[in-house]
Amino acid sequence: TRAKEVRAMAEKMITIAKDNSLHSKRKVMAYITKEDVAKKLFD
């Protein structure tokens, strides 16, 4: 049950990160708790 919840949010974060605009970076940074992980997501 936790995995299904994580799947939904992880896929949303990847979809947002595919855009690679300033707005998408701010949305991802507001959700992901570590800055280096957010950088890894975009890069």
PDB file of all heavy atoms in Angstrom:
ATOM      1  N   THR A   1       0.825  -1.209   0.000  1.00  0.00           N
ATOM      2  CA  THR A   1       0.000   0.000   0.000  1.00  0.00           C
ATOM      3  C   THR A   1       0.859   1.260   0.000  1.00  0.00           C
ATOM      4  O   THR A   1       0.554   2.223  -0.709  1.00  0.00           O
ATOM      5  CB  THR A   1      -0.944   0.018   1.216  1.00  0.00           C
ATOM      6  OG1 THR A   1      -0.185  -0.241   2.399  1.00  0.00           O
ATOM      7  CG2 THR A   1      -2.011  -1.030   1.088  1.00  0.00           C
ATOM      8  N   ARG A   2       1.962   1.259   0.752  1.00  0.00           N
ATOM      9  CA  ARG A   2       2.872   2.402   0.735  1.00  0.00           C
ATOM     10  C   ARG A   2       3.535   2.541  -0.626  1.00  0.00           C
ATOM     11  O   ARG A   2       3.724   3.644  -1.124  1.00  0.00           O
ATOM     12  CB  ARG A   2       3.959   2.252   1.796  1.00  0.00           C
ATOM     13  CG  ARG A   2       3.492   2.560   3.184  1.00  0.00           C
ATOM     14  CD  ARG A   2       4.654   2.474   4.143  1.00  0.00           C
ATOM     15  NE  ARG A   2       4.188   2.652   5.503  1.00  0.00           N
ATOM     16  CZ  ARG A   2       4.936   2.437   6.562  1.00  0.00           C
ATOM     17  NH1 ARG A   2       6.182   2.024   6.416  1.00  0.00           N
ATOM     18  NH2 ARG A   2       4.459   2.619   7.777  1.00  0.00           N
ATOM     19  N   ALA A   3       3.901   1.424  -1.234  1.00  0.00           N
ATOM     20  CA  ALA A   3       4.559   1.458  -2.537  1.00  0.00           C
ATOM     21  C   ALA A   3       3.651   2.065  -3.600  1.00  0.00           C
ATOM     22  O   ALA A   3       4.119   2.811  -4.468  1.00  0.00           O
ATOM     23  CB  ALA A   3       4.990   0.056  -2.945  1.00  0.00           C
ATOM     24  N   LYS A   4       2.367   1.780  -3.533  1.00  0.00           N
ATOM     25  CA  LYS A   4       1.433   2.336  -4.511  1.00  0.00           C
ATOM     26  C   LYS A   4       1.306   3.851  -4.355  1.00  0.00           C
ATOM     27  O   LYS A   4       1.195   4.579  -5.347  1.00  0.00           O
ATOM     28  CB  LYS A   4       0.073   1.657  -4.391  1.00  0.00           C
ATOM     29  CG  LYS A   4       0.107   0.233  -4.916  1.00  0.00           C
ATOM     30  CD  LYS A   4      -1.239  -0.448  -4.784  1.00  0.00           C
ATOM     31  CE  LYS A   4      -1.152  -1.878  -5.315  1.00  0.00           C
ATOM     32  NZ  LYS A   4      -2.416  -2.597  -5.159  1.00  0.00           N
ATOM     33  N   GLU A   5       1.343   4.339  -3.106  1.00  0.00           N
ATOM     34  CA  GLU A   5       1.323   5.778  -2.867  1.00  0.00           C
ATOM     35  C   GLU A   5       2.613   6.427  -3.356  1.00  0.00           C
ATOM     36  O   GLU A   5       2.596   7.485  -3.983  1.00  0.00           O
ATOM     37  CB  GLU A   5       1.143   6.064  -1.367  1.00  0.00           C
ATOM     38  CG  GLU A   5      -0.222   5.702  -0.824  1.00  0.00           C
ATOM     39  CD  GLU A   5      -1.312   6.651  -1.296  1.00  0.00           C
ATOM     40  OE1 GLU A   5      -1.033   7.863  -1.405  1.00  0.00           O
ATOM     41  OE2 GLU A   5      -2.420   6.178  -1.567  1.00  0.00           O
ATOM     42  N   VAL A   6       3.748   5.769  -3.061  1.00  0.00           N
ATOM     43  CA  VAL A   6       5.049   6.293  -3.489  1.00  0.00           C
ATOM     44  C   VAL A   6       5.129   6.329  -4.999  1.00  0.00           C
ATOM     45  O   VAL A   6       5.650   7.288  -5.584  1.00  0.00           O
ATOM     46  CB  VAL A   6       6.202   5.454  -2.877  1.00  0.00           C
ATOM     47  CG1 VAL A   6       7.531   5.805  -3.509  1.00  0.00           C
ATOM     48  CG2 VAL A   6       6.263   5.657  -1.378  1.00  0.00           C
ATOM     49  N   ARG A   7       4.607   5.300  -5.652  1.00  0.00           N
ATOM     50  CA  ARG A   7       4.628   5.244  -7.122  1.00  0.00           C
ATOM     51  C   ARG A   7       3.917   6.453  -7.717  1.00  0.00           C
ATOM     52  O   ARG A   7       4.439   7.092  -8.636  1.00  0.00           O
ATOM     53  CB  ARG A   7       3.950   3.972  -7.611  1.00  0.00           C
ATOM     54  CG  ARG A   7       3.654   4.002  -9.101  1.00  0.00           C
ATOM     55  CD  ARG A   7       2.743   2.885  -9.514  1.00  0.00           C
ATOM     56  NE  ARG A   7       3.552   1.784 -10.003  1.00  0.00           N
ATOM     57  CZ  ARG A   7       3.071   0.594 -10.338  1.00  0.00           C
ATOM     58  NH1 ARG A   7       1.787   0.343 -10.196  1.00  0.00           N
ATOM     59  NH2 ARG A   7       3.854  -0.334 -10.797  1.00  0.00           N
ATOM     60  N   ALA A   8       2.753   6.788  -7.181  1.00  0.00           N
ATOM     61  CA  ALA A   8       1.981   7.907  -7.722  1.00  0.00           C
ATOM     62  C   ALA A   8       2.762   9.214  -7.624  1.00  0.00           C
ATOM     63  O   ALA A   8       2.861   9.967  -8.606  1.00  0.00           O
ATOM     64  CB  ALA A   8       0.653   8.023  -6.980  1.00  0.00           C
ATOM     65  N   MET A   9       3.352   9.490  -6.471  1.00  0.00           N
ATOM     66  CA  MET A   9       4.081  10.747  -6.295  1.00  0.00           C
ATOM     67  C   MET A   9       5.407  10.752  -7.057  1.00  0.00           C
ATOM     68  O   MET A   9       5.797  11.774  -7.619  1.00  0.00           O
ATOM     69  CB  MET A   9       4.335  11.014  -4.818  1.00  0.00           C
ATOM     70  CG  MET A   9       3.141  11.582  -4.085  1.00  0.00           C
ATOM     71  SD  MET A   9       2.290  12.944  -4.922  1.00  0.00           S
ATOM     72  CE  MET A   9       3.569  14.158  -5.059  1.00  0.00           C
ATOM     73  N   ALA A  10       6.100   9.624  -7.090  1.00  0.00           N
ATOM     74  CA  ALA A  10       7.381   9.562  -7.800  1.00  0.00           C
ATOM     75  C   ALA A  10       7.170   9.805  -9.297  1.00  0.00           C
ATOM     76  O   ALA A  10       7.952  10.526  -9.928  1.00  0.00           O
ATOM     77  CB  ALA A  10       8.049   8.212  -7.565  1.00  0.00           C
ATOM     78  N   GLU A  11       6.127   9.229  -9.852  1.00  0.00           N
ATOM     79  CA  GLU A  11       5.868   9.427 -11.276  1.00  0.00           C
ATOM     80  C   GLU A  11       5.478  10.869 -11.567  1.00  0.00           C
ATOM     81  O   GLU A  11       5.860  11.424 -12.594  1.00  0.00           O
ATOM     82  CB  GLU A  11       4.814   8.434 -11.761  1.00  0.00           C
ATOM     83  CG  GLU A  11       5.330   7.010 -11.635  1.00  0.00           C
ATOM     84  CD  GLU A  11       4.735   6.034 -12.620  1.00  0.00           C
ATOM     85  OE1 GLU A  11       3.894   6.447 -13.439  1.00  0.00           O
ATOM     86  OE2 GLU A  11       5.132   4.864 -12.573  1.00  0.00           O
ATOM     87  N   LYS A  12       4.748  11.504 -10.646  1.00  0.00           N
ATOM     88  CA  LYS A  12       4.422  12.923 -10.819  1.00  0.00           C
ATOM     89  C   LYS A  12       5.679  13.773 -10.782  1.00  0.00           C
ATOM     90  O   LYS A  12       5.832  14.712 -11.583  1.00  0.00           O
ATOM     91  CB  LYS A  12       3.445  13.387  -9.738  1.00  0.00           C
ATOM     92  CG  LYS A  12       2.028  12.943  -9.967  1.00  0.00           C
ATOM     93  CD  LYS A  12       1.107  13.411  -8.866  1.00  0.00           C
ATOM     94  CE  LYS A  12      -0.265  12.803  -9.044  1.00  0.00           C
ATOM     95  NZ  LYS A  12      -1.131  13.028  -7.881  1.00  0.00           N
ATOM     96  N   MET A  13       6.591  13.466  -9.858  1.00  0.00           N
ATOM     97  CA  MET A  13       7.830  14.240  -9.749  1.00  0.00           C
ATOM     98  C   MET A  13       8.694  14.087 -11.010  1.00  0.00           C
ATOM     99  O   MET A  13       9.273  15.064 -11.493  1.00  0.00           O
ATOM    100  CB  MET A  13       8.641  13.801  -8.527  1.00  0.00           C
ATOM    101  CG  MET A  13       8.062  14.223  -7.206  1.00  0.00           C
ATOM    102  SD  MET A  13       8.030  16.007  -7.013  1.00  0.00           S
ATOM    103  CE  MET A  13       6.297  16.290  -6.825  1.00  0.00           C
ATOM    104  N   ILE A  14       8.767  12.877 -11.553  1.00  0.00           N
ATOM    105  CA  ILE A  14       9.552  12.668 -12.771  1.00  0.00           C
ATOM    106  C   ILE A  14       8.924  13.422 -13.942  1.00  0.00           C
ATOM    107  O   ILE A  14       9.621  14.048 -14.742  1.00  0.00           O
ATOM    108  CB  ILE A  14       9.700  11.168 -13.091  1.00  0.00           C
ATOM    109  CG1 ILE A  14      10.560  10.487 -12.027  1.00  0.00           C
ATOM    110  CG2 ILE A  14      10.321  10.957 -14.465  1.00  0.00           C
ATOM    111  CD1 ILE A  14      10.604   8.987 -12.124  1.00  0.00           C
ATOM    112  N   THR A  15       7.604  13.386 -14.039  1.00  0.00           N
ATOM    113  CA  THR A  15       6.904  14.095 -15.112  1.00  0.00           C
ATOM    114  C   THR A  15       7.143  15.595 -15.015  1.00  0.00           C
ATOM    115  O   THR A  15       7.387  16.263 -16.033  1.00  0.00           O
ATOM    116  CB  THR A  15       5.397  13.794 -15.055  1.00  0.00           C
ATOM    117  OG1 THR A  15       5.208  12.377 -15.128  1.00  0.00           O
ATOM    118  CG2 THR A  15       4.659  14.459 -16.200  1.00  0.00           C
ATOM    119  N   ILE A  16       7.120  16.139 -13.803  1.00  0.00           N
ATOM    120  CA  ILE A  16       7.392  17.569 -13.611  1.00  0.00           C
ATOM    121  C   ILE A  16       8.843  17.872 -13.985  1.00  0.00           C
ATOM    122  O   ILE A  16       9.139  18.875 -14.633  1.00  0.00           O
ATOM    123  CB  ILE A  16       7.100  17.985 -12.155  1.00  0.00           C
ATOM    124  CG1 ILE A  16       5.592  17.930 -11.874  1.00  0.00           C
ATOM    125  CG2 ILE A  16       7.630  19.387 -11.868  1.00  0.00           C
ATOM    126  CD1 ILE A  16       5.228  18.073 -10.411  1.00  0.00           C
ATOM    127  N   ALA A  17       9.773  16.995 -13.579  1.00  0.00           N
ATOM    128  CA  ALA A  17      11.200  17.230 -13.818  1.00  0.00           C
ATOM    129  C   ALA A  17      11.564  17.149 -15.302  1.00  0.00           C
ATOM    130  O   ALA A  17      12.580  17.711 -15.716  1.00  0.00           O
ATOM    131  CB  ALA A  17      12.033  16.237 -13.026  1.00  0.00           C
ATOM    132  N   LYS A  18      10.782  16.464 -16.109  1.00  0.00           N
ATOM    133  CA  LYS A  18      11.063  16.363 -17.542  1.00  0.00           C
ATOM    134  C   LYS A  18      10.974  17.727 -18.231  1.00  0.00           C
ATOM    135  O   LYS A  18      11.606  17.953 -19.252  1.00  0.00           O
ATOM    136  CB  LYS A  18      10.085  15.380 -18.203  1.00  0.00           C
ATOM    137  CG  LYS A  18      10.451  13.932 -17.947  1.00  0.00           C
ATOM    138  CD  LYS A  18       9.353  12.957 -18.310  1.00  0.00           C
ATOM    139  CE  LYS A  18       8.951  12.961 -19.740  1.00  0.00           C
ATOM    140  NZ  LYS A  18       7.972  11.902 -20.058  1.00  0.00           N
ATOM    141  N   ASP A  19      10.210  18.649 -17.662  1.00  0.00           N
ATOM    142  CA  ASP A  19      10.050  19.994 -18.233  1.00  0.00           C
ATOM    143  C   ASP A  19      11.322  20.815 -18.092  1.00  0.00           C
ATOM    144  O   ASP A  19      11.699  21.556 -18.994  1.00  0.00           O
ATOM    145  CB  ASP A  19       8.883  20.703 -17.548  1.00  0.00           C
ATOM    146  CG  ASP A  19       8.596  22.053 -18.158  1.00  0.00           C
ATOM    147  OD1 ASP A  19       8.871  22.224 -19.358  1.00  0.00           O
ATOM    148  OD2 ASP A  19       8.113  22.939 -17.439  1.00  0.00           O
ATOM    149  N   ASN A  20      12.003  20.724 -16.938  1.00  0.00           N
ATOM    150  CA  ASN A  20      13.291  21.372 -16.657  1.00  0.00           C
ATOM    151  C   ASN A  20      13.224  22.897 -16.762  1.00  0.00           C
ATOM    152  O   ASN A  20      14.147  23.550 -17.221  1.00  0.00           O
ATOM    153  CB  ASN A  20      14.405  20.829 -17.564  1.00  0.00           C
ATOM    154  CG  ASN A  20      15.774  21.045 -16.955  1.00  0.00           C
ATOM    155  OD1 ASN A  20      15.904  21.476 -15.820  1.00  0.00           O
ATOM    156  ND2 ASN A  20      16.802  20.750 -17.718  1.00  0.00           N
ATOM    157  N   SER A  21      12.118  23.505 -16.307  1.00  0.00           N
ATOM    158  CA  SER A  21      12.010  24.958 -16.229  1.00  0.00           C
ATOM    159  C   SER A  21      12.199  25.390 -14.773  1.00  0.00           C
ATOM    160  O   SER A  21      12.266  24.558 -13.878  1.00  0.00           O
ATOM    161  CB  SER A  21      10.638  25.413 -16.735  1.00  0.00           C
ATOM    162  OG  SER A  21       9.623  24.919 -15.888  1.00  0.00           O
ATOM    163  N   LEU A  22      12.285  26.671 -14.549  1.00  0.00           N
ATOM    164  CA  LEU A  22      12.436  27.188 -13.188  1.00  0.00           C
ATOM    165  C   LEU A  22      11.225  26.827 -12.338  1.00  0.00           C
ATOM    166  O   LEU A  22      11.367  26.440 -11.166  1.00  0.00           O
ATOM    167  CB  LEU A  22      12.631  28.710 -13.216  1.00  0.00           C
ATOM    168  CG  LEU A  22      12.778  29.394 -11.865  1.00  0.00           C
ATOM    169  CD1 LEU A  22      14.022  28.885 -11.149  1.00  0.00           C
ATOM    170  CD2 LEU A  22      12.846  30.902 -12.038  1.00  0.00           C
ATOM    171  N   HIS A  23      10.048  26.931 -12.919  1.00  0.00           N
ATOM    172  CA  HIS A  23       8.826  26.605 -12.188  1.00  0.00           C
ATOM    173  C   HIS A  23       8.819  25.133 -11.760  1.00  0.00           C
ATOM    174  O   HIS A  23       8.485  24.815 -10.621  1.00  0.00           O
ATOM    175  CB  HIS A  23       7.603  26.903 -13.062  1.00  0.00           C
ATOM    176  CG  HIS A  23       6.296  26.594 -12.411  1.00  0.00           C
ATOM    177  ND1 HIS A  23       5.887  27.226 -11.266  1.00  0.00           N
ATOM    178  CD2 HIS A  23       5.319  25.707 -12.717  1.00  0.00           C
ATOM    179  CE1 HIS A  23       4.694  26.745 -10.908  1.00  0.00           C
ATOM    180  NE2 HIS A  23       4.341  25.820 -11.779  1.00  0.00           N
ATOM    181  N   SER A  24       9.217  24.236 -12.663  1.00  0.00           N
ATOM    182  CA  SER A  24       9.234  22.814 -12.316  1.00  0.00           C
ATOM    183  C   SER A  24      10.298  22.519 -11.261  1.00  0.00           C
ATOM    184  O   SER A  24      10.098  21.686 -10.385  1.00  0.00           O
ATOM    185  CB  SER A  24       9.452  21.953 -13.556  1.00  0.00           C
ATOM    186  OG  SER A  24      10.701  22.236 -14.134  1.00  0.00           O
ATOM    187  N   LYS A  25      11.440  23.217 -11.320  1.00  0.00           N
ATOM    188  CA  LYS A  25      12.484  23.019 -10.310  1.00  0.00           C
ATOM    189  C   LYS A  25      11.991  23.436  -8.932  1.00  0.00           C
ATOM    190  O   LYS A  25      12.244  22.761  -7.938  1.00  0.00           O
ATOM    191  CB  LYS A  25      13.751  23.787 -10.678  1.00  0.00           C
ATOM    192  CG  LYS A  25      14.510  23.155 -11.808  1.00  0.00           C
ATOM    193  CD  LYS A  25      15.781  23.883 -12.130  1.00  0.00           C
ATOM    194  CE  LYS A  25      16.468  23.201 -13.308  1.00  0.00           C
ATOM    195  NZ  LYS A  25      17.699  23.842 -13.705  1.00  0.00           N
ATOM    196  N   ARG A  26      11.257  24.531  -8.871  1.00  0.00           N
ATOM    197  CA  ARG A  26      10.722  24.983  -7.587  1.00  0.00           C
ATOM    198  C   ARG A  26       9.657  24.034  -7.053  1.00  0.00           C
ATOM    199  O   ARG A  26       9.583  23.792  -5.847  1.00  0.00           O
ATOM    200  CB  ARG A  26      10.160  26.397  -7.714  1.00  0.00           C
ATOM    201  CG  ARG A  26      11.269  27.423  -7.830  1.00  0.00           C
ATOM    202  CD  ARG A  26      10.744  28.819  -7.902  1.00  0.00           C
ATOM    203  NE  ARG A  26      11.869  29.761  -7.886  1.00  0.00           N
ATOM    204  CZ  ARG A  26      11.757  31.041  -8.193  1.00  0.00           C
ATOM    205  NH1 ARG A  26      10.593  31.543  -8.553  1.00  0.00           N
ATOM    206  NH2 ARG A  26      12.815  31.816  -8.142  1.00  0.00           N
ATOM    207  N   LYS A  27       8.830  23.477  -7.933  1.00  0.00           N
ATOM    208  CA  LYS A  27       7.818  22.515  -7.496  1.00  0.00           C
ATOM    209  C   LYS A  27       8.457  21.252  -6.930  1.00  0.00           C
ATOM    210  O   LYS A  27       8.035  20.724  -5.899  1.00  0.00           O
ATOM    211  CB  LYS A  27       6.892  22.150  -8.666  1.00  0.00           C
ATOM    212  CG  LYS A  27       5.860  23.210  -8.975  1.00  0.00           C
ATOM    213  CD  LYS A  27       5.076  22.870 -10.216  1.00  0.00           C
ATOM    214  CE  LYS A  27       3.900  21.994  -9.895  1.00  0.00           C
ATOM    215  NZ  LYS A  27       3.008  21.844 -11.065  1.00  0.00           N
ATOM    216  N   VAL A  28       9.504  20.766  -7.606  1.00  0.00           N
ATOM    217  CA  VAL A  28      10.199  19.557  -7.150  1.00  0.00           C
ATOM    218  C   VAL A  28      10.937  19.830  -5.847  1.00  0.00           C
ATOM    219  O   VAL A  28      10.885  19.033  -4.917  1.00  0.00           O
ATOM    220  CB  VAL A  28      11.150  19.028  -8.241  1.00  0.00           C
ATOM    221  CG1 VAL A  28      12.073  17.964  -7.701  1.00  0.00           C
ATOM    222  CG2 VAL A  28      10.346  18.480  -9.407  1.00  0.00           C
ATOM    223  N   MET A  29      11.621  20.982  -5.747  1.00  0.00           N
ATOM    224  CA  MET A  29      12.363  21.324  -4.536  1.00  0.00           C
ATOM    225  C   MET A  29      11.441  21.495  -3.334  1.00  0.00           C
ATOM    226  O   MET A  29      11.861  21.279  -2.199  1.00  0.00           O
ATOM    227  CB  MET A  29      13.175  22.597  -4.741  1.00  0.00           C
ATOM    228  CG  MET A  29      14.327  22.440  -5.691  1.00  0.00           C
ATOM    229  SD  MET A  29      15.609  21.360  -5.080  1.00  0.00           S
ATOM    230  CE  MET A  29      16.441  22.466  -3.983  1.00  0.00           C
ATOM    231  N   ALA A  30      10.190  21.876  -3.567  1.00  0.00           N
ATOM    232  CA  ALA A  30       9.227  22.010  -2.471  1.00  0.00           C
ATOM    233  C   ALA A  30       8.817  20.643  -1.930  1.00  0.00           C
ATOM    234  O   ALA A  30       8.379  20.530  -0.781  1.00  0.00           O
ATOM    235  CB  ALA A  30       7.995  22.772  -2.943  1.00  0.00           C
ATOM    236  N   TYR A  31       8.960  19.595  -2.740  1.00  0.00           N
ATOM    237  CA  TYR A  31       8.520  18.256  -2.312  1.00  0.00           C
ATOM    238  C   TYR A  31       9.687  17.372  -1.881  1.00  0.00           C
ATOM    239  O   TYR A  31       9.617  16.722  -0.843  1.00  0.00           O
ATOM    240  CB  TYR A  31       7.743  17.576  -3.449  1.00  0.00           C
ATOM    241  CG  TYR A  31       6.966  16.378  -2.956  1.00  0.00           C
ATOM    242  CD1 TYR A  31       5.743  16.537  -2.332  1.00  0.00           C
ATOM    243  CD2 TYR A  31       7.476  15.094  -3.105  1.00  0.00           C
ATOM    244  CE1 TYR A  31       5.042  15.452  -1.861  1.00  0.00           C
ATOM    245  CE2 TYR A  31       6.773  14.000  -2.632  1.00  0.00           C
ATOM    246  CZ  TYR A  31       5.561  14.178  -2.015  1.00  0.00           C
ATOM    247  OH  TYR A  31       4.877  13.102  -1.544  1.00  0.00           O
ATOM    248  N   ILE A  32      10.757  17.320  -2.663  1.00  0.00           N
ATOM    249  CA  ILE A  32      11.917  16.479  -2.350  1.00  0.00           C
ATOM    250  C   ILE A  32      12.663  17.105  -1.178  1.00  0.00           C
ATOM    251  O   ILE A  32      12.930  18.299  -1.167  1.00  0.00           O
ATOM    252  CB  ILE A  32      12.852  16.352  -3.577  1.00  0.00           C
ATOM    253  CG1 ILE A  32      12.085  15.788  -4.774  1.00  0.00           C
ATOM    254  CG2 ILE A  32      14.059  15.505  -3.264  1.00  0.00           C
ATOM    255  CD1 ILE A  32      11.646  14.365  -4.641  1.00  0.00           C
ATOM    256  N   THR A  33      13.048  16.282  -0.182  1.00  0.00           N
ATOM    257  CA  THR A  33      13.626  16.815   1.050  1.00  0.00           C
ATOM    258  C   THR A  33      15.127  17.088   0.963  1.00  0.00           C
ATOM    259  O   THR A  33      15.650  17.830   1.781  1.00  0.00           O
ATOM    260  CB  THR A  33      13.361  15.861   2.223  1.00  0.00           C
ATOM    261  OG1 THR A  33      13.879  14.562   1.907  1.00  0.00           O
ATOM    262  CG2 THR A  33      11.879  15.738   2.507  1.00  0.00           C
ATOM    263  N   LYS A  34      15.836  16.517  -0.001  1.00  0.00           N
ATOM    264  CA  LYS A  34      17.283  16.725  -0.132  1.00  0.00           C
ATOM    265  C   LYS A  34      17.586  17.423  -1.458  1.00  0.00           C
ATOM    266  O   LYS A  34      17.112  16.996  -2.513  1.00  0.00           O
ATOM    267  CB  LYS A  34      18.032  15.393  -0.073  1.00  0.00           C
ATOM    268  CG  LYS A  34      17.936  14.698   1.261  1.00  0.00           C
ATOM    269  CD  LYS A  34      18.733  13.410   1.235  1.00  0.00           C
ATOM    270  CE  LYS A  34      18.641  12.693   2.559  1.00  0.00           C
ATOM    271  NZ  LYS A  34      19.321  11.387   2.500  1.00  0.00           N
ATOM    272  N   GLU A  35      18.413  18.456  -1.368  1.00  0.00           N
ATOM    273  CA  GLU A  35      18.714  19.250  -2.552  1.00  0.00           C
ATOM    274  C   GLU A  35      19.519  18.465  -3.588  1.00  0.00           C
ATOM    275  O   GLU A  35      19.274  18.578  -4.789  1.00  0.00           O
ATOM    276  CB  GLU A  35      19.490  20.501  -2.126  1.00  0.00           C
ATOM    277  CG  GLU A  35      19.541  21.570  -3.177  1.00  0.00           C
ATOM    278  CD  GLU A  35      20.139  22.863  -2.654  1.00  0.00           C
ATOM    279  OE1 GLU A  35      19.791  23.264  -1.534  1.00  0.00           O
ATOM    280  OE2 GLU A  35      20.943  23.455  -3.387  1.00  0.00           O
ATOM    281  N   ASP A  36      20.466  17.639  -3.128  1.00  0.00           N
ATOM    282  CA  ASP A  36      21.286  16.872  -4.073  1.00  0.00           C
ATOM    283  C   ASP A  36      20.468  15.804  -4.794  1.00  0.00           C
ATOM    284  O   ASP A  36      20.759  15.458  -5.935  1.00  0.00           O
ATOM    285  CB  ASP A  36      22.496  16.251  -3.366  1.00  0.00           C
ATOM    286  CG  ASP A  36      22.112  15.381  -2.190  1.00  0.00           C
ATOM    287  OD1 ASP A  36      21.142  15.733  -1.496  1.00  0.00           O
ATOM    288  OD2 ASP A  36      22.781  14.353  -1.964  1.00  0.00           O
ATOM    289  N   VAL A  37      19.422  15.281  -4.132  1.00  0.00           N
ATOM    290  CA  VAL A  37      18.546  14.296  -4.776  1.00  0.00           C
ATOM    291  C   VAL A  37      17.705  14.980  -5.860  1.00  0.00           C
ATOM    292  O   VAL A  37      17.492  14.414  -6.937  1.00  0.00           O
ATOM    293  CB  VAL A  37      17.647  13.595  -3.733  1.00  0.00           C
ATOM    294  CG1 VAL A  37      16.670  12.655  -4.410  1.00  0.00           C
ATOM    295  CG2 VAL A  37      18.499  12.838  -2.733  1.00  0.00           C
ATOM    296  N   ALA A  38      17.249  16.191  -5.591  1.00  0.00           N
ATOM    297  CA  ALA A  38      16.493  16.940  -6.600  1.00  0.00           C
ATOM    298  C   ALA A  38      17.378  17.243  -7.811  1.00  0.00           C
ATOM    299  O   ALA A  38      16.932  17.153  -8.955  1.00  0.00           O
ATOM    300  CB  ALA A  38      15.947  18.229  -5.995  1.00  0.00           C
ATOM    301  N   LYS A  39      18.634  17.576  -7.568  1.00  0.00           N
ATOM    302  CA  LYS A  39      19.579  17.822  -8.666  1.00  0.00           C
ATOM    303  C   LYS A  39      19.788  16.556  -9.483  1.00  0.00           C
ATOM    304  O   LYS A  39      19.799  16.585 -10.717  1.00  0.00           O
ATOM    305  CB  LYS A  39      20.908  18.324  -8.098  1.00  0.00           C
ATOM    306  CG  LYS A  39      21.925  18.666  -9.152  1.00  0.00           C
ATOM    307  CD  LYS A  39      23.093  19.405  -8.557  1.00  0.00           C
ATOM    308  CE  LYS A  39      24.238  19.631  -9.505  1.00  0.00           C
ATOM    309  NZ  LYS A  39      23.915  19.908 -10.874  1.00  0.00           N
ATOM    310  N   LYS A  40      19.903  15.413  -8.787  1.00  0.00           N
ATOM    311  CA  LYS A  40      20.057  14.133  -9.475  1.00  0.00           C
ATOM    312  C   LYS A  40      18.817  13.824 -10.319  1.00  0.00           C
ATOM    313  O   LYS A  40      18.926  13.309 -11.431  1.00  0.00           O
ATOM    314  CB  LYS A  40      20.278  13.017  -8.448  1.00  0.00           C
ATOM    315  CG  LYS A  40      20.442  11.641  -9.053  1.00  0.00           C
ATOM    316  CD  LYS A  40      20.646  10.593  -7.973  1.00  0.00           C
ATOM    317  CE  LYS A  40      20.717   9.198  -8.588  1.00  0.00           C
ATOM    318  NZ  LYS A  40      20.835   8.154  -7.575  1.00  0.00           N
ATOM    319  N   LEU A  41      17.633  14.163  -9.800  1.00  0.00           N
ATOM    320  CA  LEU A  41      16.385  13.944 -10.532  1.00  0.00           C
ATOM    321  C   LEU A  41      16.393  14.713 -11.852  1.00  0.00           C
ATOM    322  O   LEU A  41      16.044  14.155 -12.893  1.00  0.00           O
ATOM    323  CB  LEU A  41      15.192  14.359  -9.668  1.00  0.00           C
ATOM    324  CG  LEU A  41      13.809  14.279 -10.306  1.00  0.00           C
ATOM    325  CD1 LEU A  41      13.469  12.853 -10.694  1.00  0.00           C
ATOM    326  CD2 LEU A  41      12.755  14.833  -9.360  1.00  0.00           C
ATOM    327  N   PHE A  42      16.826  15.971 -11.823  1.00  0.00           N
ATOM    328  CA  PHE A  42      16.845  16.781 -13.040  1.00  0.00           C
ATOM    329  C   PHE A  42      17.985  16.404 -13.986  1.00  0.00           C
ATOM    330  O   PHE A  42      17.816  16.429 -15.197  1.00  0.00           O
ATOM    331  CB  PHE A  42      16.930  18.266 -12.693  1.00  0.00           C
ATOM    332  CG  PHE A  42      15.602  18.858 -12.308  1.00  0.00           C
ATOM    333  CD1 PHE A  42      15.253  19.015 -10.979  1.00  0.00           C
ATOM    334  CD2 PHE A  42      14.703  19.241 -13.284  1.00  0.00           C
ATOM    335  CE1 PHE A  42      14.033  19.550 -10.626  1.00  0.00           C
ATOM    336  CE2 PHE A  42      13.475  19.782 -12.943  1.00  0.00           C
ATOM    337  CZ  PHE A  42      13.138  19.934 -11.609  1.00  0.00           C
ATOM    338  N   ASP A  43      19.155  16.059 -13.436  1.00  0.00           N
ATOM    339  CA  ASP A  43      20.328  15.811 -14.268  1.00  0.00           C
ATOM    340  C   ASP A  43      20.413  14.393 -14.820  1.00  0.00           C
ATOM    341  O   ASP A  43      20.874  14.193 -15.939  1.00  0.00           O
ATOM    342  CB  ASP A  43      21.610  16.109 -13.478  1.00  0.00           C
ATOM    343  CG  ASP A  43      21.726  17.585 -13.119  1.00  0.00           C
ATOM    344  OD1 ASP A  43      21.020  18.403 -13.727  1.00  0.00           O
ATOM    345  OD2 ASP A  43      22.543  17.896 -12.228  1.00  0.00           O
TER     346      ASP A  43
END
